[in-house]
Each structure stands twice: as C-alpha cells, then as structure tokens.
Amino acid sequence: MNITKGLKVGSLYHSKANNKVVRLVELNQKLRIATIKHHKQDHLFESEVFLSDLIKATGEQVKAYFAR
C-alpha cells in the first residue's frame, strides 16, 4: 500500500472537483496527481486530480458510497 502524506491507495476520499466519494487508485508524487475511480463514472468525471483536491471521506459519505 502506497502512503503519501496520509493518502493511502485503495482508501475512499471526497473529490472536490467531482463532488463525489472516490477510491484512490494510484499516486504520482512527482506530478502531485492522484488517479481515482467511482463506480458511477460519467463522461464528465475527472479521473486524474491534484492531491490537494482530495479530502478524507466522512462516515456518512462512505455509507452512501457502498449503498449503491
């Protein structure tokens, strides 16, 4: 598991750019970019965001994510 400044690959975060809870798939520390995914992606979904765009998801957000 890759950990960068508290971010863990495989964990859930809230993406400010997408306004959704997303799963962190990959980190690129040099470019400060994270690759993310969401089970209900659409054509407007940004799959690469800056690390600063991600914040830890709350318990309520996580419950909503898994309540597909």
C-alpha atoms as a PDB file:
ATOM      1  CA  MET A   1       0.000   0.000   0.000  1.00  0.00           C
ATOM      2  CA  ASN A   2       1.476   3.338  -1.069  1.00  0.00           C
ATOM      3  CA  ILE A   3       1.114   6.098   1.528  1.00  0.00           C
ATOM      4  CA  THR A   4       1.822   9.740   0.612  1.00  0.00           C
ATOM      5  CA  LYS A   5       1.133  12.493   3.161  1.00  0.00           C
ATOM      6  CA  GLY A   6      -1.640  10.478   4.753  1.00  0.00           C
ATOM      7  CA  LEU A   7      -3.195   9.335   1.450  1.00  0.00           C
ATOM      8  CA  LYS A   8      -3.497   5.566   1.030  1.00  0.00           C
ATOM      9  CA  VAL A   9      -4.067   3.769  -2.255  1.00  0.00           C
ATOM     10  CA  GLY A  10      -7.348   1.864  -2.012  1.00  0.00           C
ATOM     11  CA  SER A  11      -8.935   4.256   0.509  1.00  0.00           C
ATOM     12  CA  LEU A  12     -12.017   6.422  -0.019  1.00  0.00           C
ATOM     13  CA  TYR A  13     -11.786  10.209  -0.332  1.00  0.00           C
ATOM     14  CA  HIS A  14     -14.098  13.053  -1.292  1.00  0.00           C
ATOM     15  CA  SER A  15     -13.053  14.688  -4.567  1.00  0.00           C
ATOM     16  CA  LYS A  16     -13.845  18.403  -4.598  1.00  0.00           C
ATOM     17  CA  ALA A  17     -13.573  18.550  -8.416  1.00  0.00           C
ATOM     18  CA  ASN A  18     -16.041  15.686  -8.920  1.00  0.00           C
ATOM     19  CA  ASN A  19     -18.121  16.338  -5.783  1.00  0.00           C
ATOM     20  CA  LYS A  20     -18.206  12.571  -5.125  1.00  0.00           C
ATOM     21  CA  VAL A  21     -16.643   9.962  -2.902  1.00  0.00           C
ATOM     22  CA  VAL A  22     -13.933   8.210  -4.911  1.00  0.00           C
ATOM     23  CA  ARG A  23     -11.429   5.396  -4.446  1.00  0.00           C
ATOM     24  CA  LEU A  24      -7.744   6.305  -4.757  1.00  0.00           C
ATOM     25  CA  VAL A  25      -6.179   4.021  -7.366  1.00  0.00           C
ATOM     26  CA  GLU A  26      -2.714   5.488  -7.943  1.00  0.00           C
ATOM     27  CA  LEU A  27      -0.470   8.302  -6.688  1.00  0.00           C
ATOM     28  CA  ASN A  28       2.117  10.245  -8.671  1.00  0.00           C
ATOM     29  CA  GLN A  29       4.157  12.162  -6.108  1.00  0.00           C
ATOM     30  CA  LYS A  30       6.333  13.953  -8.709  1.00  0.00           C
ATOM     31  CA  LEU A  31       3.350  15.458 -10.518  1.00  0.00           C
ATOM     32  CA  ARG A  32       1.241  15.624  -7.308  1.00  0.00           C
ATOM     33  CA  ILE A  33      -1.597  13.888  -9.153  1.00  0.00           C
ATOM     34  CA  ALA A  34      -3.908  11.100  -7.989  1.00  0.00           C
ATOM     35  CA  THR A  35      -5.760   8.656 -10.224  1.00  0.00           C
ATOM     36  CA  ILE A  36      -9.235   7.940  -8.863  1.00  0.00           C
ATOM     37  CA  LYS A  37     -12.331   5.960  -9.774  1.00  0.00           C
ATOM     38  CA  HIS A  38     -16.005   5.894  -8.876  1.00  0.00           C
ATOM     39  CA  HIS A  39     -18.460   3.090  -9.614  1.00  0.00           C
ATOM     40  CA  LYS A  40     -20.881   5.553 -11.279  1.00  0.00           C
ATOM     41  CA  GLN A  41     -18.440   7.441 -13.511  1.00  0.00           C
ATOM     42  CA  ASP A  42     -19.844   9.503 -16.343  1.00  0.00           C
ATOM     43  CA  HIS A  43     -18.281  11.395 -19.241  1.00  0.00           C
ATOM     44  CA  LEU A  44     -17.730  14.491 -17.040  1.00  0.00           C
ATOM     45  CA  PHE A  45     -15.821  12.551 -14.354  1.00  0.00           C
ATOM     46  CA  GLU A  46     -12.210  13.688 -13.851  1.00  0.00           C
ATOM     47  CA  SER A  47     -10.154  10.531 -13.272  1.00  0.00           C
ATOM     48  CA  GLU A  48      -6.930  12.436 -12.514  1.00  0.00           C
ATOM     49  CA  VAL A  49      -6.979  15.148  -9.863  1.00  0.00           C
ATOM     50  CA  PHE A  50      -4.418  17.051  -7.812  1.00  0.00           C
ATOM     51  CA  LEU A  51      -3.617  15.569  -4.405  1.00  0.00           C
ATOM     52  CA  SER A  52      -4.883  18.780  -2.793  1.00  0.00           C
ATOM     53  CA  ASP A  53      -8.333  18.061  -4.302  1.00  0.00           C
ATOM     54  CA  LEU A  54      -8.829  15.001  -2.086  1.00  0.00           C
ATOM     55  CA  ILE A  55     -10.087  15.092   1.488  1.00  0.00           C
ATOM     56  CA  LYS A  56     -10.850  12.157   3.777  1.00  0.00           C
ATOM     57  CA  ALA A  57     -14.427  10.911   3.287  1.00  0.00           C
ATOM     58  CA  THR A  58     -16.748  11.066   6.292  1.00  0.00           C
ATOM     59  CA  GLY A  59     -18.554   8.032   7.667  1.00  0.00           C
ATOM     60  CA  GLU A  60     -21.820   9.194   6.096  1.00  0.00           C
ATOM     61  CA  GLN A  61     -20.172   9.608   2.694  1.00  0.00           C
ATOM     62  CA  VAL A  62     -18.677   6.120   2.898  1.00  0.00           C
ATOM     63  CA  LYS A  63     -22.067   4.597   3.789  1.00  0.00           C
ATOM     64  CA  ALA A  64     -23.654   6.359   0.805  1.00  0.00           C
ATOM     65  CA  TYR A  65     -20.829   5.129  -1.469  1.00  0.00           C
ATOM     66  CA  PHE A  66     -21.459   1.490  -0.529  1.00  0.00           C
ATOM     67  CA  ALA A  67     -25.280   1.810  -0.645  1.00  0.00           C
ATOM     68  CA  ARG A  68     -25.406   1.558  -4.445  1.00  0.00           C
END
